[in-house]
Amino acid sequence: MIDLFGDEVYNEEYEVEDCHVHRNSPMCTPCKKCGKLTFSKYDACIIHAGNYRSRYQYQRKRLEKMAEKSKVLKENS
């Protein structure tokens, strides 16, 4: 790091691995289909993520319906 006067200064706070800006950055992962690097939580690029999004949404809706049915059954019992 260089200070205002042009002198090089070493500061542990600004190490790339531990600096406050980069420590919580997401890691790039390759797409499952084409290998293109992406930050997606589905591990798929924008072109291929649609399939995974719809599957995730379907599973979530199904689990919500199952939870609702079990709640109704518990109330009626």
Protein backbone atom coordinates (compact mmCIF):
# COMPACT_ATOMS: atom_id res chain seq x y z
CA MET A 1 0.00 0.00 0.00
CA ILE A 2 1.25 3.51 -0.76
CA ASP A 3 0.45 6.45 1.53
CA LEU A 4 -0.26 10.05 0.53
CA PHE A 5 3.45 10.94 0.38
CA GLY A 6 4.31 8.12 -2.03
CA ASP A 7 6.02 5.94 0.58
CA GLU A 8 5.24 2.25 0.60
CA VAL A 9 3.57 1.18 3.85
CA TYR A 10 2.91 -2.37 5.00
CA ASN A 11 -0.35 -2.78 6.87
CA GLU A 12 -1.64 -6.21 7.90
CA GLU A 13 -5.24 -4.97 7.72
CA TYR A 14 -5.05 -4.67 3.94
CA GLU A 15 -3.85 -8.19 3.18
CA VAL A 16 -5.98 -9.64 0.37
CA GLU A 17 -6.89 -12.82 2.27
CA ASP A 18 -8.02 -11.07 5.45
CA CYS A 19 -9.01 -7.56 4.41
CA HIS A 20 -12.47 -6.46 5.46
CA VAL A 21 -13.58 -5.94 1.86
CA HIS A 22 -12.63 -9.34 0.43
CA ARG A 23 -13.03 -11.77 3.33
CA ASN A 24 -16.79 -12.34 2.77
CA SER A 25 -16.72 -12.29 -1.02
CA PRO A 26 -18.38 -15.28 -2.70
CA MET A 27 -16.16 -17.73 -4.52
CA CYS A 28 -16.50 -18.31 -8.25
CA THR A 29 -17.58 -21.82 -9.19
CA PRO A 30 -17.76 -23.33 -12.65
CA CYS A 31 -21.16 -23.90 -14.27
CA LYS A 32 -22.33 -27.52 -14.07
CA LYS A 33 -23.13 -27.60 -17.79
CA CYS A 34 -20.64 -25.37 -19.65
CA GLY A 35 -17.83 -24.68 -17.13
CA LYS A 36 -18.16 -20.87 -17.26
CA LEU A 37 -17.25 -19.21 -13.92
CA THR A 38 -20.24 -17.95 -11.95
CA PHE A 39 -21.26 -16.64 -8.51
CA SER A 40 -24.67 -18.35 -8.65
CA LYS A 41 -25.85 -20.37 -5.65
CA TYR A 42 -27.08 -23.00 -8.13
CA ASP A 43 -23.56 -23.45 -9.55
CA ALA A 44 -24.88 -22.64 -13.02
CA CYS A 45 -24.36 -19.69 -15.36
CA ILE A 46 -27.24 -17.33 -16.19
CA ILE A 47 -28.10 -19.38 -19.29
CA HIS A 48 -28.38 -22.71 -17.42
CA ALA A 49 -29.63 -21.50 -14.02
CA GLY A 50 -33.30 -21.46 -15.08
CA ASN A 51 -33.60 -25.24 -14.76
CA TYR A 52 -32.17 -25.21 -11.25
CA ARG A 53 -34.28 -22.21 -10.17
CA SER A 54 -37.52 -23.84 -11.27
CA ARG A 55 -36.57 -27.13 -9.56
CA TYR A 56 -35.72 -25.27 -6.36
CA GLN A 57 -39.01 -23.36 -6.49
CA TYR A 58 -40.97 -26.58 -7.13
CA GLN A 59 -39.34 -28.32 -4.15
CA ARG A 60 -39.96 -25.33 -1.89
CA LYS A 61 -43.66 -25.14 -2.87
CA ARG A 62 -44.05 -28.89 -2.37
CA LEU A 63 -42.55 -28.71 1.12
CA GLU A 64 -44.79 -25.76 2.01
CA LYS A 65 -47.88 -27.76 0.95
CA MET A 66 -46.73 -30.78 2.97
CA ALA A 67 -46.17 -28.61 6.05
CA GLU A 68 -49.59 -27.02 5.61
CA LYS A 69 -51.31 -30.43 5.30
CA SER A 70 -49.56 -31.77 8.40
CA LYS A 71 -50.57 -28.64 10.32
CA VAL A 72 -54.22 -29.10 9.31
CA LEU A 73 -54.11 -32.78 10.28
CA LYS A 74 -52.67 -31.94 13.70
CA GLU A 75 -55.38 -29.34 14.28
CA ASN A 76 -58.18 -31.77 13.32
CA SER A 77 -56.85 -34.59 15.49
